[in-house]
Amino acid sequence: MSGGEKRRAWVGDLVHDEDADRRGIVTDVRGGALWVLRPEYGTHRWSSQRPERLRVVRTREERLRDRRD
């Protein structure tokens, strides 16, 4: 993200969960109240009800673009 932009985490985004102190990819947003995450590598899942504590590291679009290059 550029220039200090702050964007709410969404499905496919790589985020840092400040409460869990770990990085993960958002796999689902349920009812706008529960964010489901999985590790960047691996399968264990966890959830967050505090999207303001999920700092977007790379958006889904950025991740897909980087995979193509």
PDB file of N, CA and C in Angstrom:
ATOM      1  N   MET A   1       0.855  -1.158   0.000  1.00  0.00           N
ATOM      2  CA  MET A   1       0.000   0.000   0.000  1.00  0.00           C
ATOM      3  C   MET A   1       0.901   1.220   0.000  1.00  0.00           C
ATOM      4  N   SER A   2       0.466   2.262  -0.618  1.00  0.00           N
ATOM      5  CA  SER A   2       1.332   3.423  -0.786  1.00  0.00           C
ATOM      6  C   SER A   2       0.857   4.606   0.035  1.00  0.00           C
ATOM      7  N   GLY A   3       1.801   5.471   0.392  1.00  0.00           N
ATOM      8  CA  GLY A   3       1.494   6.756   0.989  1.00  0.00           C
ATOM      9  C   GLY A   3       0.657   6.724   2.250  1.00  0.00           C
ATOM     10  N   GLY A   4       0.826   5.688   3.083  1.00  0.00           N
ATOM     11  CA  GLY A   4       0.103   5.637   4.330  1.00  0.00           C
ATOM     12  C   GLY A   4      -1.377   5.348   4.193  1.00  0.00           C
ATOM     13  N   GLU A   5      -1.799   4.891   3.014  1.00  0.00           N
ATOM     14  CA  GLU A   5      -3.201   4.524   2.819  1.00  0.00           C
ATOM     15  C   GLU A   5      -3.579   3.445   3.813  1.00  0.00           C
ATOM     16  N   LYS A   6      -4.777   3.519   4.349  1.00  0.00           N
ATOM     17  CA  LYS A   6      -5.262   2.471   5.232  1.00  0.00           C
ATOM     18  C   LYS A   6      -6.519   1.887   4.611  1.00  0.00           C
ATOM     19  N   ARG A   7      -6.521   0.594   4.426  1.00  0.00           N
ATOM     20  CA  ARG A   7      -7.616  -0.094   3.774  1.00  0.00           C
ATOM     21  C   ARG A   7      -8.066  -1.234   4.673  1.00  0.00           C
ATOM     22  N   ARG A   8      -9.345  -1.433   4.756  1.00  0.00           N
ATOM     23  CA  ARG A   8      -9.869  -2.542   5.556  1.00  0.00           C
ATOM     24  C   ARG A   8      -9.527  -3.859   4.873  1.00  0.00           C
ATOM     25  N   ALA A   9      -9.078  -4.821   5.666  1.00  0.00           N
ATOM     26  CA  ALA A   9      -8.717  -6.134   5.139  1.00  0.00           C
ATOM     27  C   ALA A   9      -9.929  -6.809   4.508  1.00  0.00           C
ATOM     28  N   TRP A  10      -9.670  -7.535   3.411  1.00  0.00           N
ATOM     29  CA  TRP A  10     -10.744  -8.255   2.733  1.00  0.00           C
ATOM     30  C   TRP A  10     -10.210  -9.574   2.213  1.00  0.00           C
ATOM     31  N   VAL A  11     -11.095 -10.424   1.720  1.00  0.00           N
ATOM     32  CA  VAL A  11     -10.743 -11.765   1.262  1.00  0.00           C
ATOM     33  C   VAL A  11      -9.592 -11.710   0.257  1.00  0.00           C
ATOM     34  N   GLY A  12      -8.590 -12.542   0.504  1.00  0.00           N
ATOM     35  CA  GLY A  12      -7.429 -12.632  -0.374  1.00  0.00           C
ATOM     36  C   GLY A  12      -6.264 -11.753   0.042  1.00  0.00           C
ATOM     37  N   ASP A  13      -6.489 -10.819   0.949  1.00  0.00           N
ATOM     38  CA  ASP A  13      -5.418  -9.929   1.396  1.00  0.00           C
ATOM     39  C   ASP A  13      -4.481 -10.649   2.356  1.00  0.00           C
ATOM     40  N   LEU A  14      -3.198 -10.352   2.247  1.00  0.00           N
ATOM     41  CA  LEU A  14      -2.202 -10.790   3.216  1.00  0.00           C
ATOM     42  C   LEU A  14      -2.167  -9.723   4.297  1.00  0.00           C
ATOM     43  N   VAL A  15      -2.359 -10.134   5.543  1.00  0.00           N
ATOM     44  CA  VAL A  15      -2.456  -9.175   6.641  1.00  0.00           C
ATOM     45  C   VAL A  15      -1.542  -9.583   7.792  1.00  0.00           C
ATOM     46  N   HIS A  16      -1.275  -8.616   8.645  1.00  0.00           N
ATOM     47  CA  HIS A  16      -0.642  -8.912   9.931  1.00  0.00           C
ATOM     48  C   HIS A  16      -1.718  -8.715  10.982  1.00  0.00           C
ATOM     49  N   ASP A  17      -2.037  -9.794  11.703  1.00  0.00           N
ATOM     50  CA  ASP A  17      -3.020  -9.742  12.783  1.00  0.00           C
ATOM     51  C   ASP A  17      -2.277  -9.282  14.033  1.00  0.00           C
ATOM     52  N   GLU A  18      -2.513  -8.046  14.426  1.00  0.00           N
ATOM     53  CA  GLU A  18      -1.784  -7.470  15.548  1.00  0.00           C
ATOM     54  C   GLU A  18      -2.129  -8.151  16.867  1.00  0.00           C
ATOM     55  N   ASP A  19      -3.344  -8.678  17.011  1.00  0.00           N
ATOM     56  CA  ASP A  19      -3.719  -9.369  18.247  1.00  0.00           C
ATOM     57  C   ASP A  19      -3.027 -10.727  18.352  1.00  0.00           C
ATOM     58  N   ALA A  20      -2.983 -11.476  17.259  1.00  0.00           N
ATOM     59  CA  ALA A  20      -2.354 -12.803  17.261  1.00  0.00           C
ATOM     60  C   ALA A  20      -0.854 -12.714  16.997  1.00  0.00           C
ATOM     61  N   ASP A  21      -0.371 -11.539  16.571  1.00  0.00           N
ATOM     62  CA  ASP A  21       1.030 -11.316  16.218  1.00  0.00           C
ATOM     63  C   ASP A  21       1.517 -12.327  15.182  1.00  0.00           C
ATOM     64  N   ARG A  22       0.730 -12.444  14.106  1.00  0.00           N
ATOM     65  CA  ARG A  22       1.111 -13.339  13.011  1.00  0.00           C
ATOM     66  C   ARG A  22       0.509 -12.851  11.703  1.00  0.00           C
ATOM     67  N   ARG A  23       1.136 -13.308  10.618  1.00  0.00           N
ATOM     68  CA  ARG A  23       0.640 -12.965   9.289  1.00  0.00           C
ATOM     69  C   ARG A  23      -0.271 -14.057   8.775  1.00  0.00           C
ATOM     70  N   GLY A  24      -1.247 -13.642   7.971  1.00  0.00           N
ATOM     71  CA  GLY A  24      -2.146 -14.609   7.384  1.00  0.00           C
ATOM     72  C   GLY A  24      -2.904 -14.017   6.215  1.00  0.00           C
ATOM     73  N   ILE A  25      -3.633 -14.877   5.547  1.00  0.00           N
ATOM     74  CA  ILE A  25      -4.444 -14.467   4.402  1.00  0.00           C
ATOM     75  C   ILE A  25      -5.908 -14.577   4.812  1.00  0.00           C
ATOM     76  N   VAL A  26      -6.662 -13.532   4.534  1.00  0.00           N
ATOM     77  CA  VAL A  26      -8.095 -13.533   4.841  1.00  0.00           C
ATOM     78  C   VAL A  26      -8.779 -14.498   3.872  1.00  0.00           C
ATOM     79  N   THR A  27      -9.468 -15.496   4.415  1.00  0.00           N
ATOM     80  CA  THR A  27     -10.147 -16.475   3.563  1.00  0.00           C
ATOM     81  C   THR A  27     -11.649 -16.258   3.490  1.00  0.00           C
ATOM     82  N   ASP A  28     -12.200 -15.548   4.483  1.00  0.00           N
ATOM     83  CA  ASP A  28     -13.646 -15.345   4.502  1.00  0.00           C
ATOM     84  C   ASP A  28     -13.965 -14.180   5.434  1.00  0.00           C
ATOM     85  N   VAL A  29     -15.040 -13.481   5.113  1.00  0.00           N
ATOM     86  CA  VAL A  29     -15.588 -12.465   6.016  1.00  0.00           C
ATOM     87  C   VAL A  29     -17.048 -12.833   6.201  1.00  0.00           C
ATOM     88  N   ARG A  30     -17.398 -13.175   7.415  1.00  0.00           N
ATOM     89  CA  ARG A  30     -18.745 -13.671   7.698  1.00  0.00           C
ATOM     90  C   ARG A  30     -19.591 -12.589   8.364  1.00  0.00           C
ATOM     91  N   GLY A  31     -20.601 -12.171   7.651  1.00  0.00           N
ATOM     92  CA  GLY A  31     -21.541 -11.202   8.192  1.00  0.00           C
ATOM     93  C   GLY A  31     -20.933  -9.848   8.517  1.00  0.00           C
ATOM     94  N   GLY A  32     -19.770  -9.559   7.936  1.00  0.00           N
ATOM     95  CA  GLY A  32     -19.113  -8.292   8.211  1.00  0.00           C
ATOM     96  C   GLY A  32     -18.630  -8.166   9.647  1.00  0.00           C
ATOM     97  N   ALA A  33     -18.598  -9.304  10.378  1.00  0.00           N
ATOM     98  CA  ALA A  33     -18.239  -9.251  11.794  1.00  0.00           C
ATOM     99  C   ALA A  33     -17.149 -10.238  12.190  1.00  0.00           C
ATOM    100  N   LEU A  34     -16.865 -11.225  11.337  1.00  0.00           N
ATOM    101  CA  LEU A  34     -15.880 -12.246  11.665  1.00  0.00           C
ATOM    102  C   LEU A  34     -14.966 -12.467  10.463  1.00  0.00           C
ATOM    103  N   TRP A  35     -13.676 -12.197  10.649  1.00  0.00           N
ATOM    104  CA  TRP A  35     -12.684 -12.396   9.601  1.00  0.00           C
ATOM    105  C   TRP A  35     -11.993 -13.723   9.869  1.00  0.00           C
ATOM    106  N   VAL A  36     -12.015 -14.631   8.884  1.00  0.00           N
ATOM    107  CA  VAL A  36     -11.380 -15.937   9.002  1.00  0.00           C
ATOM    108  C   VAL A  36     -10.053 -15.854   8.257  1.00  0.00           C
ATOM    109  N   LEU A  37      -8.980 -16.322   8.916  1.00  0.00           N
ATOM    110  CA  LEU A  37      -7.642 -16.231   8.348  1.00  0.00           C
ATOM    111  C   LEU A  37      -6.961 -17.586   8.366  1.00  0.00           C
ATOM    112  N   ARG A  38      -5.990 -17.742   7.476  1.00  0.00           N
ATOM    113  CA  ARG A  38      -5.113 -18.909   7.479  1.00  0.00           C
ATOM    114  C   ARG A  38      -3.690 -18.390   7.377  1.00  0.00           C
ATOM    115  N   PRO A  39      -2.715 -19.183   7.813  1.00  0.00           N
ATOM    116  CA  PRO A  39      -1.334 -18.723   7.704  1.00  0.00           C
ATOM    117  C   PRO A  39      -0.944 -18.515   6.242  1.00  0.00           C
ATOM    118  N   GLU A  40       0.048 -17.699   6.036  1.00  0.00           N
ATOM    119  CA  GLU A  40       0.572 -17.484   4.681  1.00  0.00           C
ATOM    120  C   GLU A  40       0.990 -18.825   4.079  1.00  0.00           C
ATOM    121  N   TYR A  41       1.557 -19.689   4.898  1.00  0.00           N
ATOM    122  CA  TYR A  41       1.934 -21.052   4.495  1.00  0.00           C
ATOM    123  C   TYR A  41       1.398 -21.998   5.557  1.00  0.00           C
ATOM    124  N   GLY A  42       0.603 -22.957   5.159  1.00  0.00           N
ATOM    125  CA  GLY A  42       0.049 -23.902   6.112  1.00  0.00           C
ATOM    126  C   GLY A  42      -1.461 -23.917   6.072  1.00  0.00           C
ATOM    127  N   THR A  43      -2.057 -24.619   7.046  1.00  0.00           N
ATOM    128  CA  THR A  43      -3.501 -24.819   6.982  1.00  0.00           C
ATOM    129  C   THR A  43      -4.266 -24.420   8.232  1.00  0.00           C
ATOM    130  N   HIS A  44      -3.610 -24.238   9.362  1.00  0.00           N
ATOM    131  CA  HIS A  44      -4.319 -23.890  10.602  1.00  0.00           C
ATOM    132  C   HIS A  44      -5.054 -22.560  10.420  1.00  0.00           C
ATOM    133  N   ARG A  45      -6.299 -22.489  10.834  1.00  0.00           N
ATOM    134  CA  ARG A  45      -7.096 -21.266  10.683  1.00  0.00           C
ATOM    135  C   ARG A  45      -7.364 -20.627  12.032  1.00  0.00           C
ATOM    136  N   TRP A  46      -7.595 -19.332  12.010  1.00  0.00           N
ATOM    137  CA  TRP A  46      -8.021 -18.597  13.200  1.00  0.00           C
ATOM    138  C   TRP A  46      -8.933 -17.478  12.741  1.00  0.00           C
ATOM    139  N   SER A  47      -9.537 -16.792  13.671  1.00  0.00           N
ATOM    140  CA  SER A  47     -10.474 -15.739  13.300  1.00  0.00           C
ATOM    141  C   SER A  47     -10.223 -14.478  14.114  1.00  0.00           C
ATOM    142  N   SER A  48     -10.770 -13.393  13.617  1.00  0.00           N
ATOM    143  CA  SER A  48     -10.671 -12.101  14.287  1.00  0.00           C
ATOM    144  C   SER A  48     -12.004 -11.383  14.168  1.00  0.00           C
ATOM    145  N   GLN A  49     -12.401 -10.763  15.243  1.00  0.00           N
ATOM    146  CA  GLN A  49     -13.591  -9.924  15.217  1.00  0.00           C
ATOM    147  C   GLN A  49     -13.203  -8.455  15.293  1.00  0.00           C
ATOM    148  N   ARG A  50     -11.921  -8.185  15.081  1.00  0.00           N
ATOM    149  CA  ARG A  50     -11.406  -6.815  15.168  1.00  0.00           C
ATOM    150  C   ARG A  50     -10.653  -6.457  13.884  1.00  0.00           C
ATOM    151  N   PRO A  51     -11.376  -6.141  12.809  1.00  0.00           N
ATOM    152  CA  PRO A  51     -10.708  -5.861  11.538  1.00  0.00           C
ATOM    153  C   PRO A  51      -9.764  -4.669  11.609  1.00  0.00           C
ATOM    154  N   GLU A  52      -9.976  -3.767  12.548  1.00  0.00           N
ATOM    155  CA  GLU A  52      -9.079  -2.622  12.675  1.00  0.00           C
ATOM    156  C   GLU A  52      -7.693  -3.061  13.152  1.00  0.00           C
ATOM    157  N   ARG A  53      -7.577  -4.299  13.670  1.00  0.00           N
ATOM    158  CA  ARG A  53      -6.290  -4.834  14.126  1.00  0.00           C
ATOM    159  C   ARG A  53      -5.621  -5.692  13.059  1.00  0.00           C
ATOM    160  N   LEU A  54      -6.231  -5.780  11.870  1.00  0.00           N
ATOM    161  CA  LEU A  54      -5.649  -6.508  10.745  1.00  0.00           C
ATOM    162  C   LEU A  54      -5.021  -5.486   9.803  1.00  0.00           C
ATOM    163  N   ARG A  55      -3.696  -5.416   9.811  1.00  0.00           N
ATOM    164  CA  ARG A  55      -2.985  -4.454   8.958  1.00  0.00           C
ATOM    165  C   ARG A  55      -2.684  -5.115   7.615  1.00  0.00           C
ATOM    166  N   VAL A  56      -3.177  -4.516   6.541  1.00  0.00           N
ATOM    167  CA  VAL A  56      -2.965  -5.071   5.206  1.00  0.00           C
ATOM    168  C   VAL A  56      -1.491  -4.925   4.820  1.00  0.00           C
ATOM    169  N   VAL A  57      -0.859  -6.059   4.535  1.00  0.00           N
ATOM    170  CA  VAL A  57       0.532  -6.083   4.091  1.00  0.00           C
ATOM    171  C   VAL A  57       0.570  -5.983   2.563  1.00  0.00           C
ATOM    172  N   ARG A  58      -0.251  -6.837   1.910  1.00  0.00           N
ATOM    173  CA  ARG A  58      -0.392  -6.800   0.454  1.00  0.00           C
ATOM    174  C   ARG A  58      -1.823  -7.163   0.113  1.00  0.00           C
ATOM    175  N   THR A  59      -2.417  -6.384  -0.763  1.00  0.00           N
ATOM    176  CA  THR A  59      -3.789  -6.670  -1.176  1.00  0.00           C
ATOM    177  C   THR A  59      -3.810  -7.914  -2.062  1.00  0.00           C
ATOM    178  N   ARG A  60      -4.990  -8.469  -2.231  1.00  0.00           N
ATOM    179  CA  ARG A  60      -5.163  -9.620  -3.127  1.00  0.00           C
ATOM    180  C   ARG A  60      -4.671  -9.276  -4.525  1.00  0.00           C
ATOM    181  N   GLU A  61      -5.026  -8.075  -4.980  1.00  0.00           N
ATOM    182  CA  GLU A  61      -4.637  -7.651  -6.327  1.00  0.00           C
ATOM    183  C   GLU A  61      -3.113  -7.581  -6.468  1.00  0.00           C
ATOM    184  N   GLU A  62      -2.437  -7.055  -5.454  1.00  0.00           N
ATOM    185  CA  GLU A  62      -0.971  -6.989  -5.487  1.00  0.00           C
ATOM    186  C   GLU A  62      -0.362  -8.385  -5.500  1.00  0.00           C
ATOM    187  N   ARG A  63      -0.910  -9.279  -4.696  1.00  0.00           N
ATOM    188  CA  ARG A  63      -0.396 -10.655  -4.655  1.00  0.00           C
ATOM    189  C   ARG A  63      -0.566 -11.333  -6.003  1.00  0.00           C
ATOM    190  N   LEU A  64      -1.733 -11.181  -6.650  1.00  0.00           N
ATOM    191  CA  LEU A  64      -1.969 -11.802  -7.954  1.00  0.00           C
ATOM    192  C   LEU A  64      -1.062 -11.204  -9.023  1.00  0.00           C
ATOM    193  N   ARG A  65      -0.884  -9.896  -8.995  1.00  0.00           N
ATOM    194  CA  ARG A  65      -0.015  -9.246  -9.973  1.00  0.00           C
ATOM    195  C   ARG A  65       1.422  -9.737  -9.833  1.00  0.00           C
ATOM    196  N   ASP A  66       1.897  -9.874  -8.599  1.00  0.00           N
ATOM    197  CA  ASP A  66       3.264 -10.337  -8.363  1.00  0.00           C
ATOM    198  C   ASP A  66       3.462 -11.767  -8.827  1.00  0.00           C
ATOM    199  N   ARG A  67       2.433 -12.602  -8.722  1.00  0.00           N
ATOM    200  CA  ARG A  67       2.546 -13.987  -9.183  1.00  0.00           C
ATOM    201  C   ARG A  67       2.675 -14.062 -10.691  1.00  0.00           C
ATOM    202  N   ARG A  68       2.106 -13.120 -11.408  1.00  0.00           N
ATOM    203  CA  ARG A  68       2.160 -13.120 -12.886  1.00  0.00           C
ATOM    204  C   ARG A  68       3.508 -12.653 -13.407  1.00  0.00           C
ATOM    205  N   ASP A  69       4.179 -11.791 -12.624  1.00  0.00           N
ATOM    206  CA  ASP A  69       5.463 -11.223 -13.085  1.00  0.00           C
ATOM    207  C   ASP A  69       6.602 -12.202 -12.964  1.00  0.00           C
TER     208      ASP A  69
END
